[in-house]
Amino acid sequence: MLFNAQDTEDSGLAISDLMTALTAVFLLGTLLAIEKRDLISEYEAFNSTSFENNLLNGKRRVGKLLETMSNNKSKLHWDESRHALTVWLQFEKNDSKLTESAKATLNMLCPKLISIVGNHGSSIGKVIIRGHTDRSWSGKGNDFVGNMRVSYERAMNTTDYCLASLPKKEVVIASKFAAEGVSFLYADSPLTKGQENLQRRVEILFDYTQQARQVND
């Protein structure tokens, strides 16, 4: 078939129109992709800011509750800078058994502690119960091992006692708690004042960073 000049011109115009349409579609797709990327970035920034604000508010609420709890109670001390509640349970030397006095303190403290974790669990990653010993070790065996064992047992006995009242199916709250022992004396502070009976204590630390890592992951 022979094509005349008019057919050739019409064919050229059709190809040109097609190329123009494809270019427009490409540009539109690019603009939509950029807009989608910007929207995602804005959402992530908003979500991150919202999480940080919620975390900060959660810290403040928990801190206020614990500060109020420790006021006028000589056996409790709340340290806002460390997110740590120090509890003096009057452990005997080289011993981890909870005394009746210690149980009385925990009977007051543990229900409130569990309530805080239950109501503010989204802000709290872990509640670390850390046992401490004094400067000396007069028991059998190596000092390092002996202090590690007795401090961990103090933390574990405290944790067990606190969670004993939880229903068996309440695993979410229970999973927030962890026991930890140390084999050396932390640097003395105005709280312990170099006194062995004050060095033998339990600290309850609120770890918010683990919750932040879980959300970011």
N, C-alpha and C. Protein backbone atom coordinates (compact mmCIF):
# COMPACT_ATOMS: atom_id res chain seq x y z
N MET A 1 0.86 -1.18 0.00
CA MET A 1 0.00 0.00 0.00
C MET A 1 0.90 1.23 0.00
N LEU A 2 0.53 2.22 -0.78
CA LEU A 2 1.31 3.44 -0.87
C LEU A 2 0.75 4.48 0.06
N PHE A 3 1.62 5.17 0.81
CA PHE A 3 1.21 6.24 1.72
C PHE A 3 1.48 7.58 1.05
N ASN A 4 0.52 8.46 1.10
CA ASN A 4 0.75 9.80 0.56
C ASN A 4 1.32 10.70 1.64
N ALA A 5 1.60 11.90 1.33
CA ALA A 5 2.23 12.85 2.27
C ALA A 5 1.32 13.12 3.46
N GLN A 6 0.00 13.15 3.22
CA GLN A 6 -0.94 13.43 4.31
C GLN A 6 -0.92 12.31 5.34
N ASP A 7 -0.84 11.05 4.85
CA ASP A 7 -0.77 9.91 5.78
C ASP A 7 0.49 9.96 6.63
N THR A 8 1.59 10.32 6.01
CA THR A 8 2.85 10.40 6.74
C THR A 8 2.80 11.47 7.81
N GLU A 9 2.19 12.60 7.49
CA GLU A 9 2.07 13.71 8.45
C GLU A 9 1.18 13.31 9.60
N ASP A 10 0.04 12.65 9.30
CA ASP A 10 -0.87 12.21 10.35
C ASP A 10 -0.20 11.19 11.27
N SER A 11 0.60 10.28 10.70
CA SER A 11 1.29 9.27 11.49
C SER A 11 2.30 9.92 12.44
N GLY A 12 3.01 10.94 11.94
CA GLY A 12 3.97 11.65 12.77
C GLY A 12 3.30 12.36 13.92
N LEU A 13 2.14 12.93 13.66
CA LEU A 13 1.41 13.61 14.72
C LEU A 13 0.92 12.63 15.78
N ALA A 14 0.49 11.44 15.36
CA ALA A 14 0.00 10.43 16.31
C ALA A 14 1.12 9.97 17.22
N ILE A 15 2.32 9.75 16.65
CA ILE A 15 3.46 9.33 17.46
C ILE A 15 3.85 10.43 18.43
N SER A 16 3.82 11.66 17.94
CA SER A 16 4.16 12.81 18.81
C SER A 16 3.17 12.92 19.96
N ASP A 17 1.88 12.74 19.63
CA ASP A 17 0.85 12.80 20.69
C ASP A 17 1.04 11.68 21.71
N LEU A 18 1.42 10.50 21.22
CA LEU A 18 1.63 9.37 22.12
C LEU A 18 2.81 9.63 23.06
N MET A 19 3.90 10.17 22.50
CA MET A 19 5.06 10.48 23.32
C MET A 19 4.74 11.54 24.37
N THR A 20 3.92 12.52 23.95
CA THR A 20 3.52 13.57 24.89
C THR A 20 2.70 12.99 26.03
N ALA A 21 1.77 12.07 25.67
CA ALA A 21 0.93 11.44 26.68
C ALA A 21 1.76 10.58 27.64
N LEU A 22 2.74 9.83 27.09
CA LEU A 22 3.59 8.99 27.93
C LEU A 22 4.45 9.84 28.86
N THR A 23 4.94 10.97 28.36
CA THR A 23 5.73 11.88 29.19
C THR A 23 4.89 12.44 30.32
N ALA A 24 3.64 12.79 30.00
CA ALA A 24 2.73 13.33 31.02
C ALA A 24 2.45 12.28 32.10
N VAL A 25 2.24 11.03 31.65
CA VAL A 25 1.98 9.95 32.61
C VAL A 25 3.20 9.73 33.50
N PHE A 26 4.39 9.77 32.90
CA PHE A 26 5.63 9.59 33.67
C PHE A 26 5.80 10.70 34.71
N LEU A 27 5.56 11.94 34.27
CA LEU A 27 5.70 13.07 35.19
C LEU A 27 4.67 12.98 36.32
N LEU A 28 3.44 12.59 35.96
CA LEU A 28 2.40 12.46 36.98
C LEU A 28 2.77 11.37 37.99
N GLY A 29 3.29 10.23 37.49
CA GLY A 29 3.71 9.17 38.39
C GLY A 29 4.84 9.61 39.30
N THR A 30 5.79 10.37 38.75
CA THR A 30 6.90 10.87 39.56
C THR A 30 6.41 11.80 40.65
N LEU A 31 5.48 12.71 40.28
CA LEU A 31 4.94 13.65 41.26
C LEU A 31 4.18 12.92 42.37
N LEU A 32 3.42 11.89 41.98
CA LEU A 32 2.68 11.12 42.98
C LEU A 32 3.63 10.37 43.92
N ALA A 33 4.71 9.83 43.35
CA ALA A 33 5.69 9.12 44.18
C ALA A 33 6.36 10.06 45.17
N ILE A 34 6.69 11.28 44.70
CA ILE A 34 7.31 12.27 45.59
C ILE A 34 6.34 12.68 46.69
N GLU A 35 5.08 12.88 46.29
CA GLU A 35 4.07 13.27 47.28
C GLU A 35 3.87 12.17 48.31
N LYS A 36 3.84 10.91 47.85
CA LYS A 36 3.67 9.79 48.77
C LYS A 36 4.85 9.70 49.73
N ARG A 37 6.08 9.88 49.19
CA ARG A 37 7.27 9.85 50.04
C ARG A 37 7.22 10.94 51.10
N ASP A 38 6.80 12.14 50.69
CA ASP A 38 6.71 13.26 51.64
C ASP A 38 5.67 12.99 52.71
N LEU A 39 4.54 12.39 52.29
CA LEU A 39 3.49 12.06 53.25
C LEU A 39 3.97 11.02 54.26
N ILE A 40 4.70 10.01 53.76
CA ILE A 40 5.24 8.99 54.64
C ILE A 40 6.23 9.60 55.63
N SER A 41 7.09 10.49 55.13
CA SER A 41 8.07 11.15 56.00
C SER A 41 7.38 11.98 57.06
N GLU A 42 6.33 12.70 56.66
CA GLU A 42 5.59 13.51 57.63
C GLU A 42 4.91 12.64 58.67
N TYR A 43 4.35 11.49 58.22
CA TYR A 43 3.68 10.58 59.15
C TYR A 43 4.68 10.00 60.14
N GLU A 44 5.86 9.57 59.62
CA GLU A 44 6.88 8.99 60.50
C GLU A 44 7.37 10.02 61.50
N ALA A 45 7.56 11.26 61.04
CA ALA A 45 8.01 12.32 61.94
C ALA A 45 6.95 12.60 63.01
N PHE A 46 5.68 12.64 62.58
CA PHE A 46 4.59 12.87 63.53
C PHE A 46 4.48 11.72 64.52
N ASN A 47 4.59 10.48 63.98
CA ASN A 47 4.49 9.30 64.84
C ASN A 47 5.62 9.27 65.86
N SER A 48 6.84 9.60 65.41
CA SER A 48 8.00 9.62 66.31
C SER A 48 7.84 10.68 67.39
N THR A 49 7.38 11.87 66.98
CA THR A 49 7.18 12.95 67.95
C THR A 49 6.08 12.59 68.93
N SER A 50 5.01 11.98 68.41
CA SER A 50 3.90 11.58 69.27
C SER A 50 4.36 10.54 70.29
N PHE A 51 5.17 9.56 69.83
CA PHE A 51 5.67 8.53 70.74
C PHE A 51 6.56 9.15 71.82
N GLU A 52 7.47 10.06 71.39
CA GLU A 52 8.38 10.69 72.34
C GLU A 52 7.60 11.51 73.38
N ASN A 53 6.55 12.20 72.92
CA ASN A 53 5.73 12.97 73.86
C ASN A 53 5.00 12.06 74.83
N ASN A 54 4.45 10.96 74.30
CA ASN A 54 3.75 10.01 75.18
C ASN A 54 4.71 9.38 76.18
N LEU A 55 5.93 9.06 75.71
CA LEU A 55 6.93 8.46 76.59
C LEU A 55 7.32 9.44 77.69
N LEU A 56 7.53 10.70 77.29
CA LEU A 56 7.90 11.72 78.27
C LEU A 56 6.79 11.93 79.29
N ASN A 57 5.56 11.99 78.81
CA ASN A 57 4.43 12.15 79.73
C ASN A 57 4.30 10.95 80.65
N GLY A 58 4.55 9.73 80.08
CA GLY A 58 4.49 8.53 80.90
C GLY A 58 5.55 8.55 81.98
N LYS A 59 6.76 8.97 81.64
CA LYS A 59 7.84 9.08 82.62
C LYS A 59 7.46 10.03 83.74
N ARG A 60 6.88 11.16 83.36
CA ARG A 60 6.52 12.16 84.36
C ARG A 60 5.44 11.64 85.30
N ARG A 61 4.44 10.95 84.72
CA ARG A 61 3.36 10.42 85.56
C ARG A 61 3.89 9.36 86.53
N VAL A 62 4.72 8.44 86.00
CA VAL A 62 5.28 7.39 86.85
C VAL A 62 6.17 8.01 87.93
N GLY A 63 7.01 8.97 87.52
CA GLY A 63 7.89 9.63 88.48
C GLY A 63 7.12 10.33 89.58
N LYS A 64 6.02 10.99 89.21
CA LYS A 64 5.21 11.69 90.21
C LYS A 64 4.58 10.73 91.19
N LEU A 65 4.10 9.60 90.68
CA LEU A 65 3.49 8.60 91.55
C LEU A 65 4.51 8.03 92.54
N LEU A 66 5.71 7.72 92.04
CA LEU A 66 6.73 7.14 92.91
C LEU A 66 7.29 8.17 93.88
N GLU A 67 7.39 9.40 93.44
CA GLU A 67 7.85 10.45 94.35
C GLU A 67 6.85 10.65 95.48
N THR A 68 5.57 10.65 95.13
CA THR A 68 4.53 10.78 96.15
C THR A 68 4.56 9.60 97.11
N MET A 69 4.79 8.39 96.55
CA MET A 69 4.82 7.19 97.37
C MET A 69 5.97 7.23 98.37
N SER A 70 7.13 7.76 97.93
CA SER A 70 8.32 7.73 98.78
C SER A 70 8.37 8.88 99.79
N ASN A 71 7.54 9.90 99.60
CA ASN A 71 7.53 11.01 100.55
C ASN A 71 7.13 10.54 101.94
N ASN A 72 7.88 11.00 102.92
CA ASN A 72 7.60 10.70 104.33
C ASN A 72 7.73 9.21 104.67
N LYS A 73 8.44 8.47 103.83
CA LYS A 73 8.68 7.05 104.12
C LYS A 73 10.19 6.83 104.10
N SER A 74 10.75 6.59 105.24
CA SER A 74 12.21 6.52 105.36
C SER A 74 12.80 5.32 104.62
N LYS A 75 11.99 4.32 104.31
CA LYS A 75 12.51 3.12 103.65
C LYS A 75 12.45 3.21 102.13
N LEU A 76 11.95 4.32 101.61
CA LEU A 76 11.86 4.50 100.17
C LEU A 76 12.49 5.82 99.76
N HIS A 77 13.18 5.80 98.62
CA HIS A 77 13.74 7.05 98.10
C HIS A 77 13.68 7.01 96.58
N TRP A 78 13.02 8.02 95.97
CA TRP A 78 12.88 8.10 94.53
C TRP A 78 13.92 9.06 93.96
N ASP A 79 14.70 8.57 92.97
CA ASP A 79 15.71 9.38 92.29
C ASP A 79 15.24 9.60 90.86
N GLU A 80 14.75 10.79 90.58
CA GLU A 80 14.19 11.11 89.27
C GLU A 80 15.24 10.99 88.16
N SER A 81 16.46 11.42 88.43
CA SER A 81 17.50 11.43 87.40
C SER A 81 17.86 10.02 86.93
N ARG A 82 17.75 9.04 87.82
CA ARG A 82 18.09 7.65 87.49
C ARG A 82 16.86 6.79 87.27
N HIS A 83 15.69 7.35 87.48
CA HIS A 83 14.43 6.57 87.43
C HIS A 83 14.55 5.36 88.34
N ALA A 84 15.04 5.59 89.54
CA ALA A 84 15.32 4.48 90.47
C ALA A 84 14.65 4.73 91.82
N LEU A 85 13.96 3.71 92.30
CA LEU A 85 13.36 3.74 93.63
C LEU A 85 14.20 2.84 94.53
N THR A 86 14.87 3.43 95.53
CA THR A 86 15.66 2.65 96.48
C THR A 86 14.78 2.20 97.63
N VAL A 87 14.88 0.91 97.96
CA VAL A 87 14.06 0.32 99.03
C VAL A 87 15.00 -0.35 100.03
N TRP A 88 14.94 0.07 101.29
CA TRP A 88 15.74 -0.57 102.33
C TRP A 88 14.90 -1.65 103.01
N LEU A 89 15.31 -2.90 102.83
CA LEU A 89 14.55 -4.04 103.35
C LEU A 89 15.22 -4.73 104.53
N GLN A 90 16.29 -4.13 105.02
CA GLN A 90 16.95 -4.62 106.24
C GLN A 90 17.35 -6.10 106.14
N PHE A 91 18.11 -6.41 105.09
CA PHE A 91 18.66 -7.76 104.96
C PHE A 91 19.74 -7.98 106.01
N GLU A 92 19.81 -9.21 106.51
CA GLU A 92 20.89 -9.57 107.40
C GLU A 92 22.18 -9.74 106.60
N LYS A 93 23.30 -9.64 107.24
CA LYS A 93 24.59 -9.73 106.56
C LYS A 93 24.74 -11.10 105.89
N ASN A 94 25.17 -11.10 104.63
CA ASN A 94 25.39 -12.31 103.83
C ASN A 94 24.13 -13.17 103.69
N ASP A 95 22.97 -12.53 103.80
CA ASP A 95 21.71 -13.29 103.75
C ASP A 95 20.74 -12.59 102.78
N SER A 96 19.91 -13.39 102.16
CA SER A 96 18.95 -12.84 101.20
C SER A 96 17.50 -13.07 101.62
N LYS A 97 17.30 -13.69 102.76
CA LYS A 97 15.95 -13.98 103.23
C LYS A 97 15.21 -12.69 103.59
N LEU A 98 13.95 -12.62 103.18
CA LEU A 98 13.13 -11.46 103.51
C LEU A 98 12.68 -11.54 104.96
N THR A 99 12.99 -10.51 105.72
CA THR A 99 12.55 -10.48 107.11
C THR A 99 11.08 -10.06 107.18
N GLU A 100 10.48 -10.18 108.34
CA GLU A 100 9.08 -9.76 108.50
C GLU A 100 8.95 -8.26 108.25
N SER A 101 9.96 -7.50 108.65
CA SER A 101 9.96 -6.06 108.39
C SER A 101 10.00 -5.78 106.88
N ALA A 102 10.84 -6.56 106.16
CA ALA A 102 10.93 -6.40 104.71
C ALA A 102 9.61 -6.74 104.04
N LYS A 103 8.96 -7.80 104.50
CA LYS A 103 7.67 -8.19 103.94
C LYS A 103 6.61 -7.12 104.18
N ALA A 104 6.67 -6.49 105.35
CA ALA A 104 5.72 -5.42 105.66
C ALA A 104 5.90 -4.24 104.70
N THR A 105 7.16 -3.91 104.40
CA THR A 105 7.43 -2.84 103.44
C THR A 105 6.93 -3.22 102.05
N LEU A 106 7.18 -4.46 101.63
CA LEU A 106 6.74 -4.91 100.31
C LEU A 106 5.23 -5.03 100.23
N ASN A 107 4.58 -5.36 101.33
CA ASN A 107 3.11 -5.41 101.34
C ASN A 107 2.51 -4.04 101.04
N MET A 108 3.20 -3.00 101.46
CA MET A 108 2.76 -1.64 101.16
C MET A 108 3.14 -1.25 99.73
N LEU A 109 4.34 -1.65 99.31
CA LEU A 109 4.88 -1.18 98.04
C LEU A 109 4.39 -1.94 96.82
N CYS A 110 4.37 -3.26 96.90
CA CYS A 110 4.16 -4.09 95.70
C CYS A 110 2.81 -3.85 95.00
N PRO A 111 1.68 -3.78 95.72
CA PRO A 111 0.42 -3.53 95.01
C PRO A 111 0.44 -2.21 94.24
N LYS A 112 1.08 -1.19 94.81
CA LYS A 112 1.16 0.10 94.12
C LYS A 112 2.08 0.00 92.91
N LEU A 113 3.17 -0.74 93.07
CA LEU A 113 4.11 -0.93 91.97
C LEU A 113 3.46 -1.68 90.81
N ILE A 114 2.73 -2.73 91.12
CA ILE A 114 2.04 -3.50 90.08
C ILE A 114 0.97 -2.65 89.40
N SER A 115 0.27 -1.82 90.18
CA SER A 115 -0.74 -0.94 89.62
C SER A 115 -0.12 0.07 88.65
N ILE A 116 1.04 0.61 89.02
CA ILE A 116 1.73 1.56 88.14
C ILE A 116 2.12 0.89 86.83
N VAL A 117 2.68 -0.32 86.91
CA VAL A 117 3.09 -1.04 85.71
C VAL A 117 1.87 -1.39 84.86
N GLY A 118 0.79 -1.78 85.51
CA GLY A 118 -0.43 -2.13 84.78
C GLY A 118 -1.05 -0.94 84.07
N ASN A 119 -1.02 0.22 84.70
CA ASN A 119 -1.65 1.41 84.13
C ASN A 119 -0.75 2.17 83.17
N HIS A 120 0.57 1.99 83.31
CA HIS A 120 1.51 2.76 82.48
C HIS A 120 2.48 1.84 81.75
N GLY A 121 2.04 0.62 81.48
CA GLY A 121 2.92 -0.36 80.84
C GLY A 121 3.41 0.06 79.47
N SER A 122 2.63 0.87 78.74
CA SER A 122 3.05 1.29 77.42
C SER A 122 4.24 2.22 77.46
N SER A 123 4.48 2.84 78.62
CA SER A 123 5.62 3.75 78.76
C SER A 123 6.84 3.05 79.35
N ILE A 124 6.64 1.90 79.98
CA ILE A 124 7.72 1.23 80.70
C ILE A 124 8.19 0.01 79.93
N GLY A 125 9.49 -0.06 79.66
CA GLY A 125 10.04 -1.22 78.97
C GLY A 125 10.30 -2.36 79.93
N LYS A 126 11.02 -2.07 81.01
CA LYS A 126 11.35 -3.08 82.02
C LYS A 126 11.36 -2.44 83.40
N VAL A 127 11.02 -3.26 84.40
CA VAL A 127 11.20 -2.87 85.79
C VAL A 127 12.28 -3.80 86.34
N ILE A 128 13.46 -3.25 86.56
CA ILE A 128 14.60 -4.05 86.99
C ILE A 128 14.75 -3.95 88.51
N ILE A 129 14.61 -5.08 89.17
CA ILE A 129 14.81 -5.12 90.62
C ILE A 129 16.24 -5.60 90.85
N ARG A 130 17.06 -4.71 91.38
CA ARG A 130 18.50 -4.96 91.53
C ARG A 130 18.88 -5.06 93.00
N GLY A 131 19.48 -6.18 93.36
CA GLY A 131 19.94 -6.38 94.73
C GLY A 131 21.35 -5.84 94.94
N HIS A 132 21.63 -5.37 96.16
CA HIS A 132 22.96 -4.83 96.49
C HIS A 132 23.48 -5.47 97.78
N THR A 133 24.79 -5.48 97.89
CA THR A 133 25.45 -5.97 99.11
C THR A 133 26.28 -4.85 99.71
N ASP A 134 26.84 -5.11 100.89
CA ASP A 134 27.73 -4.11 101.50
C ASP A 134 29.17 -4.35 101.03
N ARG A 135 30.12 -3.69 101.67
CA ARG A 135 31.51 -3.75 101.23
C ARG A 135 32.19 -5.09 101.52
N SER A 136 31.71 -5.78 102.51
CA SER A 136 32.44 -6.98 102.96
C SER A 136 31.71 -8.25 102.57
N TRP A 137 32.45 -9.36 102.64
CA TRP A 137 31.86 -10.69 102.43
C TRP A 137 32.55 -11.64 103.39
N SER A 138 31.79 -12.14 104.35
CA SER A 138 32.38 -13.02 105.36
C SER A 138 31.89 -14.46 105.21
N GLY A 139 31.13 -14.70 104.12
CA GLY A 139 30.65 -16.05 103.89
C GLY A 139 31.70 -16.92 103.25
N LYS A 140 31.30 -18.15 102.89
CA LYS A 140 32.22 -19.10 102.29
C LYS A 140 32.44 -18.75 100.81
N GLY A 141 33.61 -19.09 100.31
CA GLY A 141 33.87 -18.93 98.89
C GLY A 141 34.40 -17.55 98.52
N ASN A 142 34.53 -17.38 97.21
CA ASN A 142 35.08 -16.16 96.64
C ASN A 142 34.17 -14.95 96.89
N ASP A 143 34.80 -13.79 97.20
CA ASP A 143 34.02 -12.58 97.46
C ASP A 143 33.13 -12.21 96.29
N PHE A 144 33.70 -12.23 95.08
CA PHE A 144 32.97 -11.84 93.88
C PHE A 144 31.73 -12.71 93.68
N VAL A 145 31.94 -14.02 93.75
CA VAL A 145 30.84 -14.97 93.54
C VAL A 145 29.82 -14.86 94.68
N GLY A 146 30.31 -14.75 95.90
CA GLY A 146 29.41 -14.66 97.05
C GLY A 146 28.51 -13.44 96.99
N ASN A 147 29.08 -12.28 96.68
CA ASN A 147 28.29 -11.06 96.59
C ASN A 147 27.30 -11.11 95.43
N MET A 148 27.74 -11.68 94.30
CA MET A 148 26.85 -11.81 93.15
C MET A 148 25.64 -12.68 93.50
N ARG A 149 25.91 -13.81 94.15
CA ARG A 149 24.82 -14.73 94.48
C ARG A 149 23.83 -14.12 95.46
N VAL A 150 24.34 -13.51 96.55
CA VAL A 150 23.43 -13.00 97.58
C VAL A 150 22.67 -11.77 97.08
N SER A 151 23.31 -10.95 96.26
CA SER A 151 22.60 -9.77 95.73
C SER A 151 21.51 -10.19 94.75
N TYR A 152 21.81 -11.20 93.91
CA TYR A 152 20.79 -11.69 92.97
C TYR A 152 19.64 -12.34 93.73
N GLU A 153 19.95 -13.13 94.76
CA GLU A 153 18.90 -13.78 95.55
C GLU A 153 18.02 -12.75 96.24
N ARG A 154 18.61 -11.64 96.70
CA ARG A 154 17.80 -10.57 97.29
C ARG A 154 16.83 -9.99 96.26
N ALA A 155 17.34 -9.79 95.06
CA ALA A 155 16.49 -9.25 94.00
C ALA A 155 15.41 -10.26 93.61
N MET A 156 15.80 -11.52 93.50
CA MET A 156 14.85 -12.56 93.09
C MET A 156 13.77 -12.78 94.14
N ASN A 157 14.16 -12.82 95.41
CA ASN A 157 13.18 -13.00 96.49
C ASN A 157 12.20 -11.83 96.54
N THR A 158 12.71 -10.62 96.30
CA THR A 158 11.85 -9.44 96.28
C THR A 158 10.88 -9.51 95.11
N THR A 159 11.38 -9.91 93.93
CA THR A 159 10.53 -10.04 92.74
C THR A 159 9.46 -11.10 92.94
N ASP A 160 9.87 -12.26 93.46
CA ASP A 160 8.91 -13.34 93.71
C ASP A 160 7.81 -12.90 94.66
N TYR A 161 8.20 -12.22 95.72
CA TYR A 161 7.23 -11.79 96.72
C TYR A 161 6.26 -10.78 96.11
N CYS A 162 6.79 -9.87 95.31
CA CYS A 162 5.94 -8.83 94.70
C CYS A 162 4.93 -9.43 93.72
N LEU A 163 5.37 -10.41 92.96
CA LEU A 163 4.51 -10.95 91.90
C LEU A 163 3.66 -12.13 92.36
N ALA A 164 3.81 -12.53 93.62
CA ALA A 164 3.08 -13.70 94.12
C ALA A 164 1.57 -13.50 94.05
N SER A 165 1.12 -12.25 94.16
CA SER A 165 -0.32 -11.99 94.19
C SER A 165 -0.93 -11.88 92.78
N LEU A 166 -0.09 -11.86 91.76
CA LEU A 166 -0.59 -11.74 90.39
C LEU A 166 -1.26 -13.03 89.94
N PRO A 167 -2.39 -12.96 89.25
CA PRO A 167 -2.98 -14.18 88.67
C PRO A 167 -2.01 -14.83 87.70
N LYS A 168 -2.08 -16.15 87.57
CA LYS A 168 -1.15 -16.88 86.72
C LYS A 168 -1.19 -16.42 85.27
N LYS A 169 -2.37 -15.98 84.82
CA LYS A 169 -2.52 -15.60 83.41
C LYS A 169 -2.06 -14.16 83.14
N GLU A 170 -1.71 -13.43 84.18
CA GLU A 170 -1.29 -12.04 84.02
C GLU A 170 0.19 -11.99 83.67
N VAL A 171 0.49 -12.45 82.43
CA VAL A 171 1.89 -12.56 82.03
C VAL A 171 2.45 -11.24 81.51
N VAL A 172 1.59 -10.34 81.05
CA VAL A 172 2.09 -9.08 80.49
C VAL A 172 2.80 -8.25 81.55
N ILE A 173 2.14 -8.12 82.71
CA ILE A 173 2.76 -7.35 83.80
C ILE A 173 3.98 -8.09 84.33
N ALA A 174 3.85 -9.40 84.54
CA ALA A 174 4.96 -10.18 85.09
C ALA A 174 6.19 -10.12 84.19
N SER A 175 5.97 -10.10 82.87
CA SER A 175 7.09 -10.11 81.93
C SER A 175 7.88 -8.80 81.94
N LYS A 176 7.31 -7.77 82.54
CA LYS A 176 8.01 -6.48 82.64
C LYS A 176 9.11 -6.51 83.70
N PHE A 177 9.02 -7.46 84.64
CA PHE A 177 9.93 -7.48 85.78
C PHE A 177 11.14 -8.36 85.49
N ALA A 178 12.30 -7.91 85.97
CA ALA A 178 13.53 -8.68 85.85
C ALA A 178 14.37 -8.48 87.10
N ALA A 179 14.99 -9.57 87.58
CA ALA A 179 15.86 -9.50 88.76
C ALA A 179 17.31 -9.42 88.32
N GLU A 180 18.09 -8.66 89.09
CA GLU A 180 19.49 -8.45 88.72
C GLU A 180 20.34 -8.33 89.98
N GLY A 181 21.49 -8.97 89.98
CA GLY A 181 22.41 -8.86 91.11
C GLY A 181 23.73 -8.26 90.68
N VAL A 182 24.45 -7.68 91.61
CA VAL A 182 25.77 -7.12 91.31
C VAL A 182 26.79 -7.71 92.29
N SER A 183 28.01 -7.86 91.83
CA SER A 183 29.04 -8.49 92.66
C SER A 183 30.00 -7.48 93.26
N PHE A 184 29.72 -6.22 93.08
CA PHE A 184 30.60 -5.19 93.62
C PHE A 184 29.74 -4.07 94.21
N LEU A 185 30.33 -3.30 95.08
CA LEU A 185 29.62 -2.19 95.70
C LEU A 185 29.64 -0.99 94.77
N TYR A 186 28.46 -0.48 94.46
CA TYR A 186 28.40 0.74 93.67
C TYR A 186 29.00 1.89 94.47
N ALA A 187 29.44 2.91 93.76
CA ALA A 187 30.01 4.08 94.43
C ALA A 187 29.06 4.58 95.51
N ASP A 188 29.63 4.84 96.68
CA ASP A 188 28.80 5.28 97.79
C ASP A 188 28.08 6.58 97.45
N SER A 189 26.96 6.79 98.08
CA SER A 189 26.16 7.97 97.79
C SER A 189 25.65 8.56 99.11
N PRO A 190 25.07 9.76 99.04
CA PRO A 190 24.49 10.34 100.26
C PRO A 190 23.41 9.45 100.88
N LEU A 191 22.86 8.52 100.08
CA LEU A 191 21.82 7.63 100.61
C LEU A 191 22.40 6.58 101.54
N THR A 192 23.51 5.96 101.12
CA THR A 192 24.06 4.86 101.92
C THR A 192 25.03 5.35 103.00
N LYS A 193 25.67 6.49 102.77
CA LYS A 193 26.50 7.15 103.79
C LYS A 193 27.56 6.22 104.39
N GLY A 194 28.01 5.24 103.59
CA GLY A 194 29.04 4.34 104.07
C GLY A 194 28.59 3.34 105.11
N GLN A 195 27.29 3.27 105.35
CA GLN A 195 26.77 2.37 106.39
C GLN A 195 26.35 1.04 105.75
N GLU A 196 26.87 -0.05 106.28
CA GLU A 196 26.61 -1.36 105.70
C GLU A 196 25.13 -1.71 105.68
N ASN A 197 24.41 -1.34 106.74
CA ASN A 197 22.98 -1.70 106.78
C ASN A 197 22.20 -0.96 105.70
N LEU A 198 22.70 0.20 105.24
CA LEU A 198 22.04 0.93 104.16
C LEU A 198 22.51 0.45 102.79
N GLN A 199 23.73 -0.07 102.74
CA GLN A 199 24.24 -0.61 101.48
C GLN A 199 23.51 -1.89 101.09
N ARG A 200 23.06 -2.65 102.07
CA ARG A 200 22.28 -3.87 101.79
C ARG A 200 20.85 -3.45 101.49
N ARG A 201 20.55 -3.36 100.21
CA ARG A 201 19.27 -2.77 99.80
C ARG A 201 18.84 -3.36 98.45
N VAL A 202 17.66 -2.93 98.03
CA VAL A 202 17.15 -3.28 96.71
C VAL A 202 16.79 -1.99 95.99
N GLU A 203 17.16 -1.91 94.73
CA GLU A 203 16.74 -0.78 93.89
C GLU A 203 15.75 -1.27 92.85
N ILE A 204 14.75 -0.43 92.57
CA ILE A 204 13.78 -0.74 91.52
C ILE A 204 13.95 0.32 90.45
N LEU A 205 14.49 -0.10 89.30
CA LEU A 205 14.79 0.83 88.22
C LEU A 205 13.79 0.68 87.08
N PHE A 206 13.34 1.80 86.57
CA PHE A 206 12.38 1.82 85.47
C PHE A 206 13.13 2.12 84.18
N ASP A 207 13.15 1.13 83.29
CA ASP A 207 13.89 1.26 82.03
C ASP A 207 12.90 1.58 80.91
N TYR A 208 12.99 2.81 80.40
CA TYR A 208 12.13 3.23 79.31
C TYR A 208 12.77 3.00 77.95
N THR A 209 14.10 2.83 77.90
CA THR A 209 14.81 2.71 76.63
C THR A 209 14.44 1.42 75.90
N GLN A 210 14.16 0.35 76.64
CA GLN A 210 13.79 -0.91 76.00
C GLN A 210 12.46 -0.76 75.27
N GLN A 211 11.53 -0.01 75.86
CA GLN A 211 10.26 0.21 75.19
C GLN A 211 10.47 1.03 73.93
N ALA A 212 11.37 2.02 73.98
CA ALA A 212 11.66 2.83 72.81
C ALA A 212 12.26 1.98 71.70
N ARG A 213 13.17 1.04 72.05
CA ARG A 213 13.77 0.17 71.06
C ARG A 213 12.73 -0.74 70.43
N GLN A 214 11.78 -1.25 71.23
CA GLN A 214 10.75 -2.14 70.70
C GLN A 214 9.88 -1.42 69.68
N VAL A 215 9.50 -0.18 69.97
CA VAL A 215 8.66 0.58 69.05
C VAL A 215 9.41 0.92 67.78
N ASN A 216 10.68 1.34 67.92
CA ASN A 216 11.46 1.72 66.75
C ASN A 216 11.77 0.52 65.87
N ASP A 217 11.93 -0.66 66.48
CA ASP A 217 12.18 -1.86 65.69
C ASP A 217 10.95 -2.25 64.88
